[in-house]
């Protein structure tokens, strides 16, 4: 029995080592990173990581009210998302095309954007909490392949509150 349990633990150990749960202070959000991302220090950021291939990841926080993102009126939510996306596009120098999609992550409005910055793919998720916005941006190298894009999208898809946030 002990041998079978030990064998099972050996099989599962690599699965547990593949992801790191990143503690983000003063927020309800959760970030999970696969192996290969190394923490780095960067002033003004909640968290910063880089990979050996040149990929960069940054989490920022802005204390801003986002009441229009929580509006019951779709037109108001969409207009607010357009304003936020315009700000993301402005920050991504050299961007000609930016895709955006407004959704929710555990009841929190989440705006996902994809574009390029000086030819390098950039993916951004902005969580629009009621009193602050938390954004996760991943810039990949210009040579990024489809697997790197998929991995970045997976990180963004999991970025959000760990528990549903009340809508009231």
Protein backbone atom coordinates (compact mmCIF):
# COMPACT_ATOMS: atom_id res chain seq x y z
CA UNK A 1 0.00 0.00 0.00
CA UNK A 2 2.80 2.43 0.93
CA UNK A 3 4.53 1.65 -2.36
CA UNK A 4 1.38 2.41 -4.37
CA UNK A 5 0.85 5.69 -2.49
CA UNK A 6 4.49 6.68 -3.02
CA UNK A 7 4.20 5.89 -6.76
CA UNK A 8 1.04 8.00 -6.99
CA UNK A 9 2.74 10.92 -5.23
CA UNK A 10 5.67 10.69 -7.64
CA UNK A 11 3.27 10.86 -10.57
CA UNK A 12 1.38 13.82 -9.15
CA UNK A 13 4.44 15.81 -7.97
CA UNK A 14 5.24 17.22 -11.43
CA UNK A 15 1.61 18.33 -11.81
CA UNK A 16 1.74 20.30 -8.58
CA UNK A 17 5.07 21.88 -9.49
CA UNK A 18 3.76 23.19 -12.78
CA UNK A 19 1.85 26.11 -11.34
CA UNK A 20 2.64 28.80 -8.82
CA UNK A 21 -0.11 30.60 -6.95
CA UNK A 22 0.86 34.25 -6.69
CA UNK A 23 -0.38 36.19 -3.69
CA UNK A 24 -1.65 39.61 -4.78
CA UNK A 25 -1.91 42.04 -1.85
CA UNK A 26 -5.02 44.13 -1.19
CA UNK A 27 -7.16 42.41 -3.81
CA UNK A 28 -9.57 39.53 -4.23
CA UNK A 29 -7.81 38.43 -7.42
CA UNK A 30 -5.82 35.28 -7.94
CA UNK A 31 -2.92 34.67 -10.33
CA UNK A 32 -1.63 31.24 -11.24
CA UNK A 33 1.57 30.91 -13.27
CA UNK A 34 3.07 27.83 -14.92
CA UNK A 35 6.74 26.95 -14.52
CA UNK A 36 9.26 29.19 -16.23
CA UNK A 37 8.08 32.55 -14.88
CA UNK A 38 10.56 34.21 -12.52
CA UNK A 39 9.60 37.01 -10.15
CA UNK A 40 11.34 40.31 -10.74
CA UNK A 41 11.21 43.63 -8.93
CA UNK A 42 9.59 46.56 -10.66
CA UNK A 43 8.56 49.76 -8.95
CA UNK A 44 4.88 50.67 -9.08
CA UNK A 45 3.69 47.16 -9.97
CA UNK A 46 1.70 44.75 -7.84
CA UNK A 47 3.68 41.86 -9.37
CA UNK A 48 6.19 41.41 -12.18
CA UNK A 49 7.54 38.27 -13.81
CA UNK A 50 9.70 37.37 -16.78
CA UNK A 51 10.61 34.26 -18.69
CA UNK A 52 13.94 33.27 -20.22
CA UNK A 53 12.51 33.68 -23.74
CA UNK A 54 11.90 37.40 -23.08
CA UNK A 55 8.20 37.24 -22.18
CA UNK A 56 7.11 39.79 -19.57
CA UNK A 57 4.14 39.81 -17.20
CA UNK A 58 2.95 42.72 -15.06
CA UNK A 59 0.05 43.23 -12.67
CA UNK A 60 -0.98 46.82 -11.92
CA UNK A 61 -3.64 48.36 -9.73
CA UNK A 62 -5.47 51.66 -10.09
CA UNK A 63 -7.86 52.96 -7.44
CA UNK A 64 -10.70 54.14 -9.67
CA UNK A 65 -14.48 53.77 -9.45
CA UNK A 66 -15.88 51.47 -12.12
CA UNK A 67 -19.60 51.92 -11.54
CA UNK A 68 -20.41 52.01 -15.27
CA UNK A 69 -18.83 48.56 -15.66
CA UNK A 70 -21.38 47.28 -13.13
CA UNK A 71 -24.37 49.06 -14.70
CA UNK A 72 -27.45 47.01 -15.48
CA UNK A 73 -27.58 48.82 -18.84
CA UNK A 74 -25.57 47.00 -21.50
CA UNK A 75 -24.95 50.23 -23.44
CA UNK A 76 -23.29 51.83 -20.39
CA UNK A 77 -21.14 48.75 -19.72
CA UNK A 78 -20.07 48.55 -23.37
CA UNK A 79 -19.26 52.27 -23.56
CA UNK A 80 -17.15 51.99 -20.42
CA UNK A 81 -15.34 48.94 -21.83
CA UNK A 82 -14.62 50.93 -25.02
CA UNK A 83 -13.02 53.70 -22.93
CA UNK A 84 -10.86 51.22 -21.01
CA UNK A 85 -9.85 49.46 -24.25
CA UNK A 86 -8.88 52.80 -25.77
CA UNK A 87 -6.57 53.38 -22.80
CA UNK A 88 -5.03 49.93 -23.26
CA UNK A 89 -4.48 50.62 -26.95
CA UNK A 90 -2.83 53.97 -26.20
CA UNK A 91 -0.41 52.22 -23.83
CA UNK A 92 0.52 49.70 -26.54
CA UNK A 93 2.67 51.83 -28.86
CA UNK A 94 2.54 50.85 -32.50
CA UNK A 95 -0.77 49.00 -32.18
CA UNK A 96 -2.93 49.06 -35.28
CA UNK A 97 -5.50 46.47 -34.27
CA UNK A 98 -6.78 45.68 -30.79
CA UNK A 99 -9.42 43.07 -30.12
CA UNK A 100 -11.53 43.36 -26.99
CA UNK A 101 -14.12 41.27 -25.24
CA UNK A 102 -16.07 42.22 -22.12
CA UNK A 103 -17.07 39.31 -19.91
CA UNK A 104 -17.13 38.37 -16.24
CA UNK A 105 -14.87 36.43 -13.92
CA UNK A 106 -16.69 35.32 -10.76
CA UNK A 107 -19.19 38.18 -11.14
CA UNK A 108 -16.51 40.85 -11.72
CA UNK A 109 -16.51 42.59 -15.11
CA UNK A 110 -13.38 41.54 -17.02
CA UNK A 111 -12.13 43.15 -20.21
CA UNK A 112 -9.78 41.04 -22.33
CA UNK A 113 -7.69 42.74 -25.02
CA UNK A 114 -5.16 41.44 -27.53
CA UNK A 115 -2.91 43.44 -29.80
CA UNK A 116 0.72 44.19 -30.47
CA UNK A 117 3.28 46.57 -29.04
CA UNK A 118 6.04 47.34 -31.52
CA UNK A 119 5.22 44.05 -33.27
CA UNK A 120 5.22 41.88 -30.12
CA UNK A 121 1.96 40.18 -29.05
CA UNK A 122 0.39 41.65 -25.91
CA UNK A 123 -2.54 40.22 -23.98
CA UNK A 124 -4.31 42.17 -21.25
CA UNK A 125 -7.09 41.42 -18.78
CA UNK A 126 -8.54 44.29 -16.76
CA UNK A 127 -10.66 43.30 -13.77
CA UNK A 128 -13.09 46.12 -13.07
CA UNK A 129 -13.83 45.86 -9.37
CA UNK A 130 -16.22 48.47 -7.96
CA UNK A 131 -13.51 50.71 -6.44
CA UNK A 132 -10.35 49.67 -8.28
CA UNK A 133 -9.08 48.10 -11.48
CA UNK A 134 -6.50 45.35 -11.56
CA UNK A 135 -4.80 44.58 -14.84
CA UNK A 136 -2.63 41.71 -15.99
CA UNK A 137 -0.54 42.32 -19.10
CA UNK A 138 1.62 39.72 -20.83
CA UNK A 139 4.03 40.79 -23.57
CA UNK A 140 5.46 37.92 -25.59
CA UNK A 141 8.53 38.04 -27.82
CA UNK A 142 7.93 38.84 -31.50
CA UNK A 143 8.88 35.23 -32.28
CA UNK A 144 6.11 33.79 -30.03
CA UNK A 145 4.52 30.64 -31.43
CA UNK A 146 0.95 29.39 -31.04
CA UNK A 147 1.83 27.44 -27.87
CA UNK A 148 3.18 30.60 -26.21
CA UNK A 149 -0.04 32.43 -27.18
CA UNK A 150 -2.16 29.58 -25.80
CA UNK A 151 -0.19 29.57 -22.54
CA UNK A 152 -0.63 33.35 -22.17
CA UNK A 153 -4.37 33.08 -22.85
CA UNK A 154 -4.62 30.34 -20.22
CA UNK A 155 -2.96 32.58 -17.63
CA UNK A 156 -5.38 35.40 -18.45
CA UNK A 157 -8.40 33.10 -18.37
CA UNK A 158 -7.60 32.05 -14.79
CA UNK A 159 -6.84 35.58 -13.55
CA UNK A 160 -9.70 36.81 -11.41
CA UNK A 161 -11.34 36.66 -7.99
CA UNK A 162 -11.04 33.29 -6.26
CA UNK A 163 -14.66 33.46 -5.11
CA UNK A 164 -17.73 35.04 -6.70
CA UNK A 165 -18.12 38.69 -5.75
CA UNK A 166 -21.66 39.79 -4.79
CA UNK A 167 -23.32 41.85 -7.51
CA UNK A 168 -25.33 44.07 -5.15
